[in-house]
Amino acid sequence: MTARIYRPARNAMQSGKGKSKSWVLVHEPAAPRSIDPLMGYTSSTDTRQQVRLSFETQEEAEAYAQRNNIEYTVQAAHDPSPKKVSYPDNFRSDRKTPWTH
């Protein structure tokens, strides 16, 4: 059973970075999902998929996995590059494309 340690990306629908600062350890699925013939729900017998552990740092997550003998892989954190945005630039006279209402 392997686990994945990563830092989640921020929500694309909002500008806040609320839940993107902590590191998360999730278990990879060990058994495939099956479809219930009566209701059509998808289910799995693997209950580790329901566990999602949060840690302050990557080192804490790795230490937890090593203490509990969990094989893990680490995904590098993706830090977005800051984009310089200036509101007055919308109204500059030397703009490449003219600004219209």
Protein backbone atom coordinates (compact mmCIF):
# COMPACT_ATOMS: atom_id res chain seq x y z
CA MET A 1 0.00 0.00 0.00
CA THR A 2 1.56 3.27 -1.07
CA ALA A 3 0.66 6.78 -0.07
CA ARG A 4 1.04 10.11 -1.80
CA ILE A 5 2.29 13.23 -0.04
CA TYR A 6 1.54 16.54 -1.72
CA ARG A 7 0.56 20.13 -1.10
CA PRO A 8 -2.83 20.87 -2.69
CA ALA A 9 -3.23 23.72 -5.13
CA ARG A 10 -5.44 26.66 -4.31
CA ASN A 11 -9.02 26.72 -5.46
CA ALA A 12 -9.21 28.01 -9.02
CA MET A 13 -12.54 29.72 -8.35
CA GLN A 14 -11.21 31.92 -5.55
CA SER A 15 -8.13 34.04 -5.02
CA GLY A 16 -7.50 32.85 -1.44
CA LYS A 17 -4.85 30.31 -0.49
CA GLY A 18 -6.71 28.91 2.54
CA LYS A 19 -6.16 25.16 2.34
CA SER A 20 -3.04 25.19 0.17
CA LYS A 21 -0.46 25.70 2.91
CA SER A 22 -0.54 22.30 4.60
CA TRP A 23 0.79 19.01 3.26
CA VAL A 24 -1.59 16.08 2.77
CA LEU A 25 -1.01 12.32 2.97
CA VAL A 26 -3.55 10.19 1.08
CA HIS A 27 -3.44 6.47 0.39
CA GLU A 28 -3.53 5.24 -3.17
CA PRO A 29 -6.39 2.83 -3.97
CA ALA A 30 -5.47 -0.79 -3.28
CA ALA A 31 -8.64 -2.31 -4.67
CA PRO A 32 -10.61 -1.19 -7.72
CA ARG A 33 -14.03 0.35 -7.31
CA SER A 34 -17.03 -1.78 -8.15
CA ILE A 35 -20.55 -0.89 -9.19
CA ASP A 36 -23.41 -2.02 -6.99
CA PRO A 37 -25.80 -3.99 -9.23
CA LEU A 38 -28.96 -2.88 -7.41
CA MET A 39 -28.47 0.87 -6.95
CA GLY A 40 -25.61 1.59 -9.33
CA TYR A 41 -23.42 3.22 -6.66
CA THR A 42 -19.66 2.89 -6.93
CA SER A 43 -18.04 1.44 -3.84
CA SER A 44 -14.77 -0.02 -2.66
CA THR A 45 -13.70 -2.38 0.09
CA ASP A 46 -10.58 -0.29 0.71
CA THR A 47 -11.32 1.98 3.70
CA ARG A 48 -7.90 3.67 3.61
CA GLN A 49 -9.12 5.80 0.71
CA GLN A 50 -11.31 7.67 3.19
CA VAL A 51 -8.34 8.77 5.30
CA ARG A 52 -6.78 12.16 4.51
CA LEU A 53 -4.11 13.37 6.95
CA SER A 54 -2.89 16.97 7.05
CA PHE A 55 0.56 18.09 8.22
CA GLU A 56 2.21 21.47 8.65
CA THR A 57 5.37 20.53 6.75
CA GLN A 58 6.54 17.95 4.27
CA GLU A 59 9.07 16.61 6.78
CA GLU A 60 6.30 15.88 9.31
CA ALA A 61 4.35 13.93 6.70
CA GLU A 62 7.42 11.92 5.69
CA ALA A 63 8.28 11.21 9.34
CA TYR A 64 4.73 9.93 9.95
CA ALA A 65 4.93 7.63 6.93
CA GLN A 66 8.33 6.29 8.01
CA ARG A 67 7.17 5.74 11.62
CA ASN A 68 4.18 3.69 10.42
CA ASN A 69 6.09 1.81 7.68
CA ILE A 70 4.04 3.31 4.86
CA GLU A 71 5.62 3.45 1.41
CA TYR A 72 5.16 6.92 0.00
CA THR A 73 5.92 9.18 -2.93
CA VAL A 74 6.27 12.94 -2.67
CA GLN A 75 4.92 15.32 -5.28
CA ALA A 76 6.86 18.55 -5.39
CA ALA A 77 4.94 21.67 -4.44
CA HIS A 78 3.97 23.89 -7.33
CA ASP A 79 4.34 27.54 -6.41
CA PRO A 80 2.65 29.84 -8.94
CA SER A 81 4.73 32.63 -10.37
CA PRO A 82 3.52 36.06 -9.26
CA LYS A 83 2.05 38.12 -12.06
CA LYS A 84 2.49 41.88 -12.02
CA VAL A 85 -0.92 43.43 -12.50
CA SER A 86 -1.53 47.14 -12.39
CA TYR A 87 -4.97 48.66 -12.75
CA PRO A 88 -3.78 52.03 -14.21
CA ASP A 89 -2.08 50.16 -17.06
CA ASN A 90 -5.56 49.55 -18.49
CA PHE A 91 -5.83 53.25 -19.30
CA ARG A 92 -2.35 54.02 -20.63
CA SER A 93 -2.20 55.94 -23.89
CA ASP A 94 0.63 53.76 -25.32
CA ARG A 95 -1.32 50.54 -24.84
CA LYS A 96 -0.93 47.88 -27.56
CA THR A 97 -4.66 47.41 -28.02
CA PRO A 98 -6.99 50.35 -27.52
CA TRP A 99 -9.19 50.27 -24.45
CA THR A 100 -12.88 50.64 -25.16
CA HIS A 101 -16.03 50.42 -23.12
